[in-house]
Amino acid sequence: MTYRLDTKGLSCPLPFFRVKKVLGEIAPGTLLEIEATDPQAPVEIRNLCIMEGHELLADETIADGFRLLLKRGA
């Protein structure tokens, strides 16, 4: 199952906190697709993955911002 989170239009640090909240609510192994417009969001989410043991599967620039796909760790 893939959970989708739209943080477009939110400024730092709100995308980070929204992602962190969702990661606390979904089961390990669940995929989370995030869309964001804040230029700091990809950096913050990458760092969150490193710190908390989640796997960043994709990080791409799209027409209206960024799309990241991660897999929740244990």
C-alpha atoms as a PDB file:
ATOM      1  CA  MET A   1       0.000   0.000   0.000  1.00  0.00           C
ATOM      2  CA  THR A   2       1.189   3.513  -0.789  1.00  0.00           C
ATOM      3  CA  TYR A   3       0.129   6.423   1.404  1.00  0.00           C
ATOM      4  CA  ARG A   4       0.132   9.818  -0.318  1.00  0.00           C
ATOM      5  CA  LEU A   5       0.860  13.117   1.396  1.00  0.00           C
ATOM      6  CA  ASP A   6       0.455  16.475  -0.322  1.00  0.00           C
ATOM      7  CA  THR A   7       2.448  19.229   1.382  1.00  0.00           C
ATOM      8  CA  LYS A   8       2.426  21.598  -1.600  1.00  0.00           C
ATOM      9  CA  GLY A   9       2.157  25.221  -0.531  1.00  0.00           C
ATOM     10  CA  LEU A  10       3.499  24.566   2.972  1.00  0.00           C
ATOM     11  CA  SER A  11       6.711  26.238   4.087  1.00  0.00           C
ATOM     12  CA  CYS A  12       9.521  24.879   6.219  1.00  0.00           C
ATOM     13  CA  PRO A  13       9.241  23.258   8.739  1.00  0.00           C
ATOM     14  CA  LEU A  14       5.620  22.156   8.138  1.00  0.00           C
ATOM     15  CA  PRO A  15       6.344  19.529   5.428  1.00  0.00           C
ATOM     16  CA  PHE A  16       8.920  17.909   7.724  1.00  0.00           C
ATOM     17  CA  PHE A  17       6.506  17.754  10.654  1.00  0.00           C
ATOM     18  CA  ARG A  18       3.657  16.411   8.493  1.00  0.00           C
ATOM     19  CA  VAL A  19       5.896  13.653   7.116  1.00  0.00           C
ATOM     20  CA  LYS A  20       7.169  12.776  10.591  1.00  0.00           C
ATOM     21  CA  LYS A  21       3.583  12.567  11.899  1.00  0.00           C
ATOM     22  CA  VAL A  22       2.438  10.279   9.071  1.00  0.00           C
ATOM     23  CA  LEU A  23       5.484   8.044   9.490  1.00  0.00           C
ATOM     24  CA  GLY A  24       4.493   7.583  13.119  1.00  0.00           C
ATOM     25  CA  GLU A  25       1.023   6.438  12.069  1.00  0.00           C
ATOM     26  CA  ILE A  26       1.760   3.990   9.236  1.00  0.00           C
ATOM     27  CA  ALA A  27       3.070   0.444   9.493  1.00  0.00           C
ATOM     28  CA  PRO A  28       6.691  -0.491   8.824  1.00  0.00           C
ATOM     29  CA  GLY A  29       7.226  -1.321   5.158  1.00  0.00           C
ATOM     30  CA  THR A  30       4.483   1.040   3.988  1.00  0.00           C
ATOM     31  CA  LEU A  31       5.363   3.327   1.098  1.00  0.00           C
ATOM     32  CA  LEU A  32       4.862   7.065   1.520  1.00  0.00           C
ATOM     33  CA  GLU A  33       4.738   9.342  -1.523  1.00  0.00           C
ATOM     34  CA  ILE A  34       5.227  13.013  -0.704  1.00  0.00           C
ATOM     35  CA  GLU A  35       4.697  16.025  -2.957  1.00  0.00           C
ATOM     36  CA  ALA A  36       6.129  19.347  -1.843  1.00  0.00           C
ATOM     37  CA  THR A  37       6.910  22.808  -3.168  1.00  0.00           C
ATOM     38  CA  ASP A  38       9.226  23.958  -0.376  1.00  0.00           C
ATOM     39  CA  PRO A  39      12.823  23.752  -1.690  1.00  0.00           C
ATOM     40  CA  GLN A  40      14.050  22.591   1.731  1.00  0.00           C
ATOM     41  CA  ALA A  41      11.611  19.669   1.918  1.00  0.00           C
ATOM     42  CA  PRO A  42      13.743  17.153  -0.033  1.00  0.00           C
ATOM     43  CA  VAL A  43      16.789  17.906   2.119  1.00  0.00           C
ATOM     44  CA  GLU A  44      14.851  17.658   5.367  1.00  0.00           C
ATOM     45  CA  ILE A  45      13.063  14.463   4.349  1.00  0.00           C
ATOM     46  CA  ARG A  46      16.337  12.853   3.206  1.00  0.00           C
ATOM     47  CA  ASN A  47      17.867  13.689   6.596  1.00  0.00           C
ATOM     48  CA  LEU A  48      14.807  12.337   8.402  1.00  0.00           C
ATOM     49  CA  CYS A  49      15.207   9.032   6.544  1.00  0.00           C
ATOM     50  CA  ILE A  50      18.854   8.812   7.568  1.00  0.00           C
ATOM     51  CA  MET A  51      18.154   9.668  11.213  1.00  0.00           C
ATOM     52  CA  GLU A  52      15.163   7.350  11.646  1.00  0.00           C
ATOM     53  CA  GLY A  53      16.070   4.442   9.367  1.00  0.00           C
ATOM     54  CA  HIS A  54      13.556   4.915   6.571  1.00  0.00           C
ATOM     55  CA  GLU A  55      14.500   4.096   2.972  1.00  0.00           C
ATOM     56  CA  LEU A  56      14.378   6.885   0.390  1.00  0.00           C
ATOM     57  CA  LEU A  57      13.381   5.161  -2.861  1.00  0.00           C
ATOM     58  CA  ALA A  58      12.946   8.179  -5.148  1.00  0.00           C
ATOM     59  CA  ASP A  59      13.616  11.905  -5.071  1.00  0.00           C
ATOM     60  CA  GLU A  60      12.637  13.797  -8.185  1.00  0.00           C
ATOM     61  CA  THR A  61      11.888  17.303  -9.340  1.00  0.00           C
ATOM     62  CA  ILE A  62       8.474  17.634 -10.970  1.00  0.00           C
ATOM     63  CA  ALA A  63       6.801  20.533 -12.780  1.00  0.00           C
ATOM     64  CA  ASP A  64       5.302  22.060  -9.643  1.00  0.00           C
ATOM     65  CA  GLY A  65       7.846  21.030  -7.002  1.00  0.00           C
ATOM     66  CA  PHE A  66       9.240  17.764  -5.711  1.00  0.00           C
ATOM     67  CA  ARG A  67       8.101  14.170  -5.330  1.00  0.00           C
ATOM     68  CA  LEU A  68       9.712  11.789  -2.885  1.00  0.00           C
ATOM     69  CA  LEU A  69       8.955   8.146  -2.264  1.00  0.00           C
ATOM     70  CA  LEU A  70      10.079   6.459   0.891  1.00  0.00           C
ATOM     71  CA  LYS A  71       9.569   3.191   2.672  1.00  0.00           C
ATOM     72  CA  ARG A  72       8.910   3.353   6.389  1.00  0.00           C
ATOM     73  CA  GLY A  73      11.546   1.557   8.382  1.00  0.00           C
ATOM     74  CA  ALA A  74      11.124  -0.557  11.482  1.00  0.00           C
END
